[in-house]
Amino acid sequence: MLKDRIKNLFILILFMIIVDGFIYYKTGSLSSETIINDIFVIGVYLITCFIIYVISKKKS
């Protein structure tokens, strides 16, 4: 289960890199807000995974 979460995290990061690259290609610059939003999304993903991990440990 941990391997799936790590794989999903890498897919999420790869998708963000592709989208940010497209934004940079189209506009010629990358806003710091975009990078902060990417970091926020990764943080929310990690917190969600941690909460799911804690809940699944309590059930066992």
PDB file of N, CA and C in Angstrom:
ATOM      1  N   MET A   1       0.826  -1.185   0.000  1.00  0.00           N
ATOM      2  CA  MET A   1       0.000   0.000   0.000  1.00  0.00           C
ATOM      3  C   MET A   1       0.878   1.258   0.000  1.00  0.00           C
ATOM      4  N   LEU A   2       1.985   1.213   0.723  1.00  0.00           N
ATOM      5  CA  LEU A   2       2.892   2.362   0.750  1.00  0.00           C
ATOM      6  C   LEU A   2       3.513   2.596  -0.619  1.00  0.00           C
ATOM      7  N   LYS A   3       3.812   1.495  -1.332  1.00  0.00           N
ATOM      8  CA  LYS A   3       4.386   1.635  -2.671  1.00  0.00           C
ATOM      9  C   LYS A   3       3.406   2.332  -3.610  1.00  0.00           C
ATOM     10  N   ASP A   4       2.115   2.031  -3.458  1.00  0.00           N
ATOM     11  CA  ASP A   4       1.105   2.684  -4.297  1.00  0.00           C
ATOM     12  C   ASP A   4       1.039   4.179  -4.017  1.00  0.00           C
ATOM     13  N   ARG A   5       1.144   4.546  -2.746  1.00  0.00           N
ATOM     14  CA  ARG A   5       1.096   5.970  -2.395  1.00  0.00           C
ATOM     15  C   ARG A   5       2.317   6.704  -2.918  1.00  0.00           C
ATOM     16  N   ILE A   6       3.479   6.074  -2.825  1.00  0.00           N
ATOM     17  CA  ILE A   6       4.698   6.691  -3.346  1.00  0.00           C
ATOM     18  C   ILE A   6       4.611   6.816  -4.867  1.00  0.00           C
ATOM     19  N   LYS A   7       4.107   5.769  -5.517  1.00  0.00           N
ATOM     20  CA  LYS A   7       3.937   5.821  -6.975  1.00  0.00           C
ATOM     21  C   LYS A   7       2.977   6.936  -7.364  1.00  0.00           C
ATOM     22  N   ASN A   8       1.876   7.066  -6.631  1.00  0.00           N
ATOM     23  CA  ASN A   8       0.910   8.125  -6.924  1.00  0.00           C
ATOM     24  C   ASN A   8       1.506   9.511  -6.687  1.00  0.00           C
ATOM     25  N   LEU A   9       2.370   9.630  -5.669  1.00  0.00           N
ATOM     26  CA  LEU A   9       3.029  10.907  -5.412  1.00  0.00           C
ATOM     27  C   LEU A   9       3.946  11.280  -6.568  1.00  0.00           C
ATOM     28  N   PHE A  10       4.699  10.320  -7.085  1.00  0.00           N
ATOM     29  CA  PHE A  10       5.575  10.601  -8.217  1.00  0.00           C
ATOM     30  C   PHE A  10       4.778  10.942  -9.476  1.00  0.00           C
ATOM     31  N   ILE A  11       3.645  10.292  -9.666  1.00  0.00           N
ATOM     32  CA  ILE A  11       2.780  10.624 -10.801  1.00  0.00           C
ATOM     33  C   ILE A  11       2.247  12.047 -10.655  1.00  0.00           C
ATOM     34  N   LEU A  12       1.851  12.417  -9.437  1.00  0.00           N
ATOM     35  CA  LEU A  12       1.367  13.770  -9.176  1.00  0.00           C
ATOM     36  C   LEU A  12       2.454  14.802  -9.457  1.00  0.00           C
ATOM     37  N   ILE A  13       3.670  14.538  -8.984  1.00  0.00           N
ATOM     38  CA  ILE A  13       4.783  15.463  -9.212  1.00  0.00           C
ATOM     39  C   ILE A  13       5.106  15.551 -10.703  1.00  0.00           C
ATOM     40  N   LEU A  14       5.108  14.428 -11.396  1.00  0.00           N
ATOM     41  CA  LEU A  14       5.375  14.432 -12.832  1.00  0.00           C
ATOM     42  C   LEU A  14       4.317  15.237 -13.580  1.00  0.00           C
ATOM     43  N   PHE A  15       3.061  15.054 -13.216  1.00  0.00           N
ATOM     44  CA  PHE A  15       1.979  15.812 -13.839  1.00  0.00           C
ATOM     45  C   PHE A  15       2.156  17.306 -13.598  1.00  0.00           C
ATOM     46  N   MET A  16       2.543  17.681 -12.374  1.00  0.00           N
ATOM     47  CA  MET A  16       2.765  19.099 -12.059  1.00  0.00           C
ATOM     48  C   MET A  16       3.916  19.670 -12.877  1.00  0.00           C
ATOM     49  N   ILE A  17       4.982  18.892 -13.045  1.00  0.00           N
ATOM     50  CA  ILE A  17       6.117  19.354 -13.843  1.00  0.00           C
ATOM     51  C   ILE A  17       5.694  19.572 -15.293  1.00  0.00           C
ATOM     52  N   ILE A  18       4.894  18.660 -15.825  1.00  0.00           N
ATOM     53  CA  ILE A  18       4.422  18.799 -17.205  1.00  0.00           C
ATOM     54  C   ILE A  18       3.547  20.041 -17.351  1.00  0.00           C
ATOM     55  N   VAL A  19       2.621  20.232 -16.424  1.00  0.00           N
ATOM     56  CA  VAL A  19       1.730  21.396 -16.491  1.00  0.00           C
ATOM     57  C   VAL A  19       2.523  22.687 -16.326  1.00  0.00           C
ATOM     58  N   ASP A  20       3.458  22.716 -15.364  1.00  0.00           N
ATOM     59  CA  ASP A  20       4.276  23.915 -15.172  1.00  0.00           C
ATOM     60  C   ASP A  20       5.149  24.189 -16.391  1.00  0.00           C
ATOM     61  N   GLY A  21       5.661  23.140 -17.004  1.00  0.00           N
ATOM     62  CA  GLY A  21       6.438  23.317 -18.226  1.00  0.00           C
ATOM     63  C   GLY A  21       5.599  23.889 -19.344  1.00  0.00           C
ATOM     64  N   PHE A  22       4.361  23.443 -19.456  1.00  0.00           N
ATOM     65  CA  PHE A  22       3.460  23.978 -20.476  1.00  0.00           C
ATOM     66  C   PHE A  22       3.141  25.448 -20.206  1.00  0.00           C
ATOM     67  N   ILE A  23       2.904  25.772 -18.928  1.00  0.00           N
ATOM     68  CA  ILE A  23       2.640  27.173 -18.567  1.00  0.00           C
ATOM     69  C   ILE A  23       3.852  28.031 -18.904  1.00  0.00           C
ATOM     70  N   TYR A  24       5.044  27.540 -18.582  1.00  0.00           N
ATOM     71  CA  TYR A  24       6.265  28.291 -18.881  1.00  0.00           C
ATOM     72  C   TYR A  24       6.452  28.448 -20.388  1.00  0.00           C
ATOM     73  N   TYR A  25       6.137  27.401 -21.132  1.00  0.00           N
ATOM     74  CA  TYR A  25       6.267  27.447 -22.594  1.00  0.00           C
ATOM     75  C   TYR A  25       5.317  28.481 -23.198  1.00  0.00           C
ATOM     76  N   LYS A  26       4.087  28.537 -22.680  1.00  0.00           N
ATOM     77  CA  LYS A  26       3.090  29.442 -23.242  1.00  0.00           C
ATOM     78  C   LYS A  26       3.310  30.894 -22.817  1.00  0.00           C
ATOM     79  N   THR A  27       3.692  31.128 -21.559  1.00  0.00           N
ATOM     80  CA  THR A  27       3.782  32.498 -21.057  1.00  0.00           C
ATOM     81  C   THR A  27       5.206  33.035 -21.040  1.00  0.00           C
ATOM     82  N   GLY A  28       6.187  32.178 -21.015  1.00  0.00           N
ATOM     83  CA  GLY A  28       7.573  32.625 -20.958  1.00  0.00           C
ATOM     84  C   GLY A  28       8.070  32.860 -19.551  1.00  0.00           C
ATOM     85  N   SER A  29       7.196  32.708 -18.565  1.00  0.00           N
ATOM     86  CA  SER A  29       7.617  32.846 -17.171  1.00  0.00           C
ATOM     87  C   SER A  29       6.724  31.965 -16.310  1.00  0.00           C
ATOM     88  N   LEU A  30       7.207  31.699 -15.115  1.00  0.00           N
ATOM     89  CA  LEU A  30       6.451  30.858 -14.186  1.00  0.00           C
ATOM     90  C   LEU A  30       6.251  31.643 -12.901  1.00  0.00           C
ATOM     91  N   SER A  31       5.020  31.835 -12.524  1.00  0.00           N
ATOM     92  CA  SER A  31       4.684  32.619 -11.341  1.00  0.00           C
ATOM     93  C   SER A  31       5.073  31.865 -10.077  1.00  0.00           C
ATOM     94  N   SER A  32       5.473  32.612  -9.065  1.00  0.00           N
ATOM     95  CA  SER A  32       5.796  31.975  -7.786  1.00  0.00           C
ATOM     96  C   SER A  32       4.537  31.407  -7.144  1.00  0.00           C
ATOM     97  N   GLU A  33       3.378  31.978  -7.458  1.00  0.00           N
ATOM     98  CA  GLU A  33       2.118  31.441  -6.934  1.00  0.00           C
ATOM     99  C   GLU A  33       1.867  30.030  -7.451  1.00  0.00           C
ATOM    100  N   THR A  34       2.242  29.762  -8.675  1.00  0.00           N
ATOM    101  CA  THR A  34       2.068  28.426  -9.242  1.00  0.00           C
ATOM    102  C   THR A  34       2.903  27.413  -8.476  1.00  0.00           C
ATOM    103  N   ILE A  35       4.131  27.772  -8.178  1.00  0.00           N
ATOM    104  CA  ILE A  35       5.010  26.868  -7.435  1.00  0.00           C
ATOM    105  C   ILE A  35       4.491  26.674  -6.016  1.00  0.00           C
ATOM    106  N   ILE A  36       4.018  27.743  -5.384  1.00  0.00           N
ATOM    107  CA  ILE A  36       3.462  27.631  -4.034  1.00  0.00           C
ATOM    108  C   ILE A  36       2.221  26.743  -4.051  1.00  0.00           C
ATOM    109  N   ASN A  37       1.382  26.872  -5.070  1.00  0.00           N
ATOM    110  CA  ASN A  37       0.197  26.013  -5.182  1.00  0.00           C
ATOM    111  C   ASN A  37       0.593  24.552  -5.365  1.00  0.00           C
ATOM    112  N   ASP A  38       1.651  24.301  -6.138  1.00  0.00           N
ATOM    113  CA  ASP A  38       2.127  22.930  -6.310  1.00  0.00           C
ATOM    114  C   ASP A  38       2.594  22.346  -4.979  1.00  0.00           C
ATOM    115  N   ILE A  39       3.344  23.130  -4.217  1.00  0.00           N
ATOM    116  CA  ILE A  39       3.818  22.673  -2.908  1.00  0.00           C
ATOM    117  C   ILE A  39       2.638  22.424  -1.978  1.00  0.00           C
ATOM    118  N   PHE A  40       1.627  23.281  -2.042  1.00  0.00           N
ATOM    119  CA  PHE A  40       0.433  23.108  -1.220  1.00  0.00           C
ATOM    120  C   PHE A  40      -0.286  21.804  -1.565  1.00  0.00           C
ATOM    121  N   VAL A  41      -0.426  21.515  -2.850  1.00  0.00           N
ATOM    122  CA  VAL A  41      -1.107  20.282  -3.275  1.00  0.00           C
ATOM    123  C   VAL A  41      -0.334  19.054  -2.800  1.00  0.00           C
ATOM    124  N   ILE A  42       0.989  19.083  -2.906  1.00  0.00           N
ATOM    125  CA  ILE A  42       1.799  17.960  -2.431  1.00  0.00           C
ATOM    126  C   ILE A  42       1.647  17.809  -0.922  1.00  0.00           C
ATOM    127  N   GLY A  43       1.625  18.922  -0.198  1.00  0.00           N
ATOM    128  CA  GLY A  43       1.431  18.872   1.249  1.00  0.00           C
ATOM    129  C   GLY A  43       0.086  18.285   1.631  1.00  0.00           C
ATOM    130  N   VAL A  44      -0.961  18.691   0.929  1.00  0.00           N
ATOM    131  CA  VAL A  44      -2.297  18.145   1.200  1.00  0.00           C
ATOM    132  C   VAL A  44      -2.319  16.646   0.918  1.00  0.00           C
ATOM    133  N   TYR A  45      -1.661  16.225  -0.152  1.00  0.00           N
ATOM    134  CA  TYR A  45      -1.599  14.797  -0.474  1.00  0.00           C
ATOM    135  C   TYR A  45      -0.898  14.028   0.644  1.00  0.00           C
ATOM    136  N   LEU A  46       0.234  14.546   1.126  1.00  0.00           N
ATOM    137  CA  LEU A  46       0.979  13.855   2.179  1.00  0.00           C
ATOM    138  C   LEU A  46       0.191  13.807   3.484  1.00  0.00           C
ATOM    139  N   ILE A  47      -0.479  14.895   3.834  1.00  0.00           N
ATOM    140  CA  ILE A  47      -1.292  14.910   5.054  1.00  0.00           C
ATOM    141  C   ILE A  47      -2.447  13.931   4.932  1.00  0.00           C
ATOM    142  N   THR A  48      -3.082  13.880   3.771  1.00  0.00           N
ATOM    143  CA  THR A  48      -4.177  12.936   3.554  1.00  0.00           C
ATOM    144  C   THR A  48      -3.691  11.496   3.677  1.00  0.00           C
ATOM    145  N   CYS A  49      -2.531  11.199   3.102  1.00  0.00           N
ATOM    146  CA  CYS A  49      -1.974   9.851   3.215  1.00  0.00           C
ATOM    147  C   CYS A  49      -1.680   9.507   4.668  1.00  0.00           C
ATOM    148  N   PHE A  50      -1.162  10.468   5.428  1.00  0.00           N
ATOM    149  CA  PHE A  50      -0.868  10.231   6.839  1.00  0.00           C
ATOM    150  C   PHE A  50      -2.146   9.967   7.627  1.00  0.00           C
ATOM    151  N   ILE A  51      -3.197  10.735   7.360  1.00  0.00           N
ATOM    152  CA  ILE A  51      -4.470  10.530   8.060  1.00  0.00           C
ATOM    153  C   ILE A  51      -5.041   9.158   7.730  1.00  0.00           C
ATOM    154  N   ILE A  52      -4.993   8.765   6.478  1.00  0.00           N
ATOM    155  CA  ILE A  52      -5.482   7.437   6.089  1.00  0.00           C
ATOM    156  C   ILE A  52      -4.658   6.353   6.768  1.00  0.00           C
ATOM    157  N   TYR A  53      -3.345   6.557   6.872  1.00  0.00           N
ATOM    158  CA  TYR A  53      -2.467   5.595   7.540  1.00  0.00           C
ATOM    159  C   TYR A  53      -2.839   5.460   9.016  1.00  0.00           C
ATOM    160  N   VAL A  54      -3.075   6.572   9.696  1.00  0.00           N
ATOM    161  CA  VAL A  54      -3.424   6.538  11.120  1.00  0.00           C
ATOM    162  C   VAL A  54      -4.770   5.860  11.319  1.00  0.00           C
ATOM    163  N   ILE A  55      -5.740   6.166  10.475  1.00  0.00           N
ATOM    164  CA  ILE A  55      -7.063   5.551  10.600  1.00  0.00           C
ATOM    165  C   ILE A  55      -6.977   4.048  10.351  1.00  0.00           C
ATOM    166  N   SER A  56      -6.195   3.638   9.372  1.00  0.00           N
ATOM    167  CA  SER A  56      -6.090   2.206   9.087  1.00  0.00           C
ATOM    168  C   SER A  56      -5.355   1.472  10.203  1.00  0.00           C
ATOM    169  N   LYS A  57      -4.434   2.133  10.888  1.00  0.00           N
ATOM    170  CA  LYS A  57      -3.738   1.510  12.020  1.00  0.00           C
ATOM    171  C   LYS A  57      -4.684   1.315  13.195  1.00  0.00           C
ATOM    172  N   LYS A  58      -5.596   2.264  13.420  1.00  0.00           N
ATOM    173  CA  LYS A  58      -6.539   2.150  14.531  1.00  0.00           C
ATOM    174  C   LYS A  58      -7.523   1.012  14.307  1.00  0.00           C
ATOM    175  N   LYS A  59      -7.879   0.742  13.056  1.00  0.00           N
ATOM    176  CA  LYS A  59      -8.820  -0.337  12.761  1.00  0.00           C
ATOM    177  C   LYS A  59      -8.201  -1.708  12.990  1.00  0.00           C
ATOM    178  N   SER A  60      -6.881  -1.828  12.820  1.00  0.00           N
ATOM    179  CA  SER A  60      -6.238  -3.136  12.963  1.00  0.00           C
ATOM    180  C   SER A  60      -5.975  -3.517  14.383  1.00  0.00           C
TER     181      SER A  60
END
